[in-house]
């Protein structure tokens, strides 16, 4: 999805901002004497590590961050990077965690189908209603994914991939019924179809 988005006008905006940022970045890196690890693709790992000291790197970052044009290009690039990731995650989750479970009586995602699991209403021991499926997805997307993505918007997307499952795991471990936060809100519980009686 991210690759497809990179071919759209949104991707063009990101690439334009990145190129402007990279030109200034390389310029300051060369001026500070740390340019070898930035501009030379043939430099070995050993020479990359030994090509600059911490004081040289600090001088490079201080000079670059003092340039309002550099900071503006960097912020613009990060803004489009964030938007692209939000859209990509939204599309993937809408298909695999909303649309497929919504069309499936048992509320199963592809993974749950493969594992023989289903989502039931914990109050009535029956499959989850479409309304509660929507609530479950909304909670999972807006709180467990989008909120964390926003909190770590200036970090690598890897942080989201770490903290989002961690939040789900922590709520499951603290819940008597072993429910994630999105399950608690939607009165849902994941059950094994091989042992459950519905």
Protein backbone atom coordinates (compact mmCIF):
# COMPACT_ATOMS: atom_id res chain seq x y z
CA UNK A 1 0.00 0.00 0.00
CA UNK A 2 2.86 2.36 0.87
CA UNK A 3 4.45 1.66 -2.53
CA UNK A 4 1.18 2.43 -4.33
CA UNK A 5 0.82 5.66 -2.34
CA UNK A 6 4.37 6.62 -3.36
CA UNK A 7 3.14 6.70 -6.97
CA UNK A 8 0.34 9.16 -6.15
CA UNK A 9 0.51 12.98 -5.80
CA UNK A 10 0.98 12.40 -2.06
CA UNK A 11 4.13 10.44 -2.84
CA UNK A 12 5.32 13.25 -5.13
CA UNK A 13 4.88 15.77 -2.31
CA UNK A 14 6.92 13.57 0.03
CA UNK A 15 9.69 13.00 -2.56
CA UNK A 16 9.89 16.73 -3.31
CA UNK A 17 10.24 17.57 0.38
CA UNK A 18 12.76 14.73 0.87
CA UNK A 19 14.96 15.87 -2.03
CA UNK A 20 15.06 19.46 -0.74
CA UNK A 21 15.87 18.19 2.74
CA UNK A 22 18.58 15.80 1.44
CA UNK A 23 20.41 18.53 -0.51
CA UNK A 24 20.77 20.69 2.59
CA UNK A 25 21.52 17.65 4.77
CA UNK A 26 24.42 16.57 2.54
CA UNK A 27 25.69 20.15 2.34
CA UNK A 28 25.90 20.54 6.11
CA UNK A 29 27.37 17.05 6.48
CA UNK A 30 30.21 17.87 4.09
CA UNK A 31 30.88 21.24 5.76
CA UNK A 32 31.13 19.57 9.18
CA UNK A 33 33.49 16.89 7.88
CA UNK A 34 31.08 14.01 8.28
CA UNK A 35 30.07 13.97 4.64
CA UNK A 36 31.86 10.75 3.73
CA UNK A 37 29.25 8.58 5.40
CA UNK A 38 26.46 10.56 3.76
CA UNK A 39 27.55 11.14 0.19
CA UNK A 40 29.76 8.13 -0.53
CA UNK A 41 27.96 4.85 -1.14
CA UNK A 42 31.27 2.97 -1.46
CA UNK A 43 32.51 3.83 2.04
CA UNK A 44 33.00 0.77 4.23
CA UNK A 45 31.33 0.37 7.60
CA UNK A 46 34.68 0.76 9.37
CA UNK A 47 35.47 4.07 7.69
CA UNK A 48 31.91 5.27 8.25
CA UNK A 49 32.34 4.77 11.98
CA UNK A 50 35.80 6.34 12.09
CA UNK A 51 35.08 9.20 9.66
CA UNK A 52 33.67 11.56 12.30
CA UNK A 53 33.81 12.28 16.00
CA UNK A 54 30.86 13.11 18.24
CA UNK A 55 31.90 16.78 18.30
CA UNK A 56 31.92 16.87 14.48
CA UNK A 57 28.49 15.26 14.37
CA UNK A 58 27.15 17.69 16.99
CA UNK A 59 28.48 20.61 14.95
CA UNK A 60 26.74 19.19 11.87
CA UNK A 61 23.36 18.76 13.62
CA UNK A 62 23.58 22.15 15.36
CA UNK A 63 24.29 23.97 12.10
CA UNK A 64 21.57 22.11 10.21
CA UNK A 65 18.90 22.59 12.87
CA UNK A 66 19.73 26.29 13.12
CA UNK A 67 18.76 26.66 9.45
CA UNK A 68 15.01 27.41 9.34
CA UNK A 69 14.81 26.30 5.69
CA UNK A 70 16.36 22.92 6.54
CA UNK A 71 13.99 22.48 9.50
CA UNK A 72 10.99 23.47 7.36
CA UNK A 73 11.89 20.88 4.67
CA UNK A 74 12.50 18.24 7.35
CA UNK A 75 9.13 18.93 9.01
CA UNK A 76 7.33 18.88 5.66
CA UNK A 77 8.96 15.57 4.76
CA UNK A 78 8.00 14.07 8.14
CA UNK A 79 4.43 15.36 7.77
CA UNK A 80 3.94 13.58 4.43
CA UNK A 81 5.73 10.48 5.77
CA UNK A 82 3.23 10.42 8.66
CA UNK A 83 0.23 10.94 6.37
CA UNK A 84 1.35 8.17 3.99
CA UNK A 85 1.74 5.76 6.90
CA UNK A 86 -1.66 6.66 8.36
CA UNK A 87 -3.36 6.12 5.00
CA UNK A 88 -1.48 2.85 4.37
CA UNK A 89 -2.34 1.46 7.81
CA UNK A 90 -5.96 2.63 7.48
CA UNK A 91 -6.38 0.86 4.13
CA UNK A 92 -4.81 -2.39 5.33
CA UNK A 93 -6.77 -2.45 8.60
CA UNK A 94 -10.02 -1.45 6.89
CA UNK A 95 -9.73 -4.44 4.54
CA UNK A 96 -8.32 -7.13 6.84
CA UNK A 97 -9.64 -6.09 10.26
CA UNK A 98 -12.97 -4.48 9.32
CA UNK A 99 -14.33 -5.53 5.94
CA UNK A 100 -13.46 -9.25 6.10
CA UNK A 101 -14.68 -9.73 9.72
CA UNK A 102 -17.79 -7.64 8.96
CA UNK A 103 -18.71 -9.91 6.03
CA UNK A 104 -17.94 -12.99 8.09
CA UNK A 105 -20.64 -14.26 10.46
CA UNK A 106 -18.04 -15.38 12.99
CA UNK A 107 -16.19 -12.05 12.94
CA UNK A 108 -13.03 -13.73 11.74
CA UNK A 109 -10.02 -12.04 10.21
CA UNK A 110 -7.88 -14.12 7.84
CA UNK A 111 -5.62 -15.06 10.75
CA UNK A 112 -8.54 -16.19 12.90
CA UNK A 113 -9.90 -18.30 10.04
CA UNK A 114 -6.54 -20.05 9.75
CA UNK A 115 -6.33 -20.63 13.51
CA UNK A 116 -9.96 -21.73 13.94
CA UNK A 117 -10.88 -18.78 16.16
CA UNK A 118 -14.03 -16.65 16.27
CA UNK A 119 -15.26 -13.50 18.00
CA UNK A 120 -18.32 -13.83 20.23
CA UNK A 121 -20.42 -11.53 22.39
CA UNK A 122 -19.39 -12.37 25.93
CA UNK A 123 -22.83 -11.44 27.30
CA UNK A 124 -24.92 -13.76 25.16
CA UNK A 125 -22.54 -16.50 23.93
CA UNK A 126 -23.39 -15.68 20.33
CA UNK A 127 -21.45 -14.23 17.43
CA UNK A 128 -20.79 -10.50 17.57
CA UNK A 129 -23.32 -8.16 15.96
CA UNK A 130 -22.25 -5.89 13.11
CA UNK A 131 -22.64 -2.88 15.41
CA UNK A 132 -20.24 -4.36 17.94
CA UNK A 133 -17.88 -5.46 15.17
CA UNK A 134 -17.71 -1.81 14.07
CA UNK A 135 -17.12 -0.65 17.66
CA UNK A 136 -14.40 -3.28 18.07
CA UNK A 137 -12.64 -2.15 14.90
CA UNK A 138 -12.97 1.56 15.75
CA UNK A 139 -11.44 1.04 19.18
CA UNK A 140 -8.61 -1.04 17.75
CA UNK A 141 -7.87 1.42 14.96
CA UNK A 142 -8.33 4.82 16.61
CA UNK A 143 -6.91 4.00 20.06
CA UNK A 144 -4.58 1.03 19.73
CA UNK A 145 -3.13 2.05 16.36
CA UNK A 146 -3.79 5.67 15.39
CA UNK A 147 -3.19 7.12 18.86
CA UNK A 148 0.15 5.34 19.16
CA UNK A 149 1.05 6.35 15.61
CA UNK A 150 0.31 9.98 16.55
CA UNK A 151 2.33 9.76 19.79
CA UNK A 152 5.33 8.37 17.91
CA UNK A 153 4.78 10.41 14.74
CA UNK A 154 8.35 11.76 14.87
CA UNK A 155 9.81 8.29 15.39
CA UNK A 156 10.32 5.35 13.09
CA UNK A 157 7.19 3.39 12.18
CA UNK A 158 8.83 0.44 13.98
CA UNK A 159 7.85 2.07 17.28
CA UNK A 160 4.19 1.69 16.33
CA UNK A 161 4.75 -1.96 15.45
CA UNK A 162 6.22 -2.48 18.93
CA UNK A 163 3.91 -0.45 21.17
CA UNK A 164 0.58 -1.26 19.52
CA UNK A 165 0.84 -5.04 20.09
CA UNK A 166 2.35 -4.33 23.52
CA UNK A 167 -0.73 -2.31 24.53
CA UNK A 168 -3.00 -5.13 23.34
CA UNK A 169 -0.90 -7.74 25.19
CA UNK A 170 -0.90 -5.73 28.43
CA UNK A 171 -4.69 -5.31 28.43
CA UNK A 172 -5.16 -9.02 27.73
CA UNK A 173 -2.87 -9.94 30.64
CA UNK A 174 -4.70 -7.58 33.03
CA UNK A 175 -8.19 -8.71 31.99
CA UNK A 176 -9.90 -11.57 33.83
CA UNK A 177 -11.56 -12.66 30.59
CA UNK A 178 -8.28 -12.25 28.65
CA UNK A 179 -9.76 -9.45 26.53
CA UNK A 180 -7.90 -6.73 24.67
CA UNK A 181 -9.09 -3.15 25.08
CA UNK A 182 -11.10 -3.30 21.84
CA UNK A 183 -12.77 -6.49 23.11
CA UNK A 184 -13.73 -4.95 26.46
CA UNK A 185 -15.40 -1.96 24.82
CA UNK A 186 -17.35 -4.11 22.32
CA UNK A 187 -18.23 -6.90 24.82
CA UNK A 188 -16.28 -9.33 22.67
CA UNK A 189 -14.11 -12.33 23.31
CA UNK A 190 -12.01 -14.48 21.01
CA UNK A 191 -12.81 -18.18 21.35
CA UNK A 192 -11.48 -21.42 19.91
CA UNK A 193 -14.17 -22.95 17.69
CA UNK A 194 -12.87 -26.44 18.38
CA UNK A 195 -13.76 -26.22 22.08
CA UNK A 196 -16.38 -23.44 22.29
CA UNK A 197 -20.10 -24.14 22.24
CA UNK A 198 -22.02 -21.40 20.45
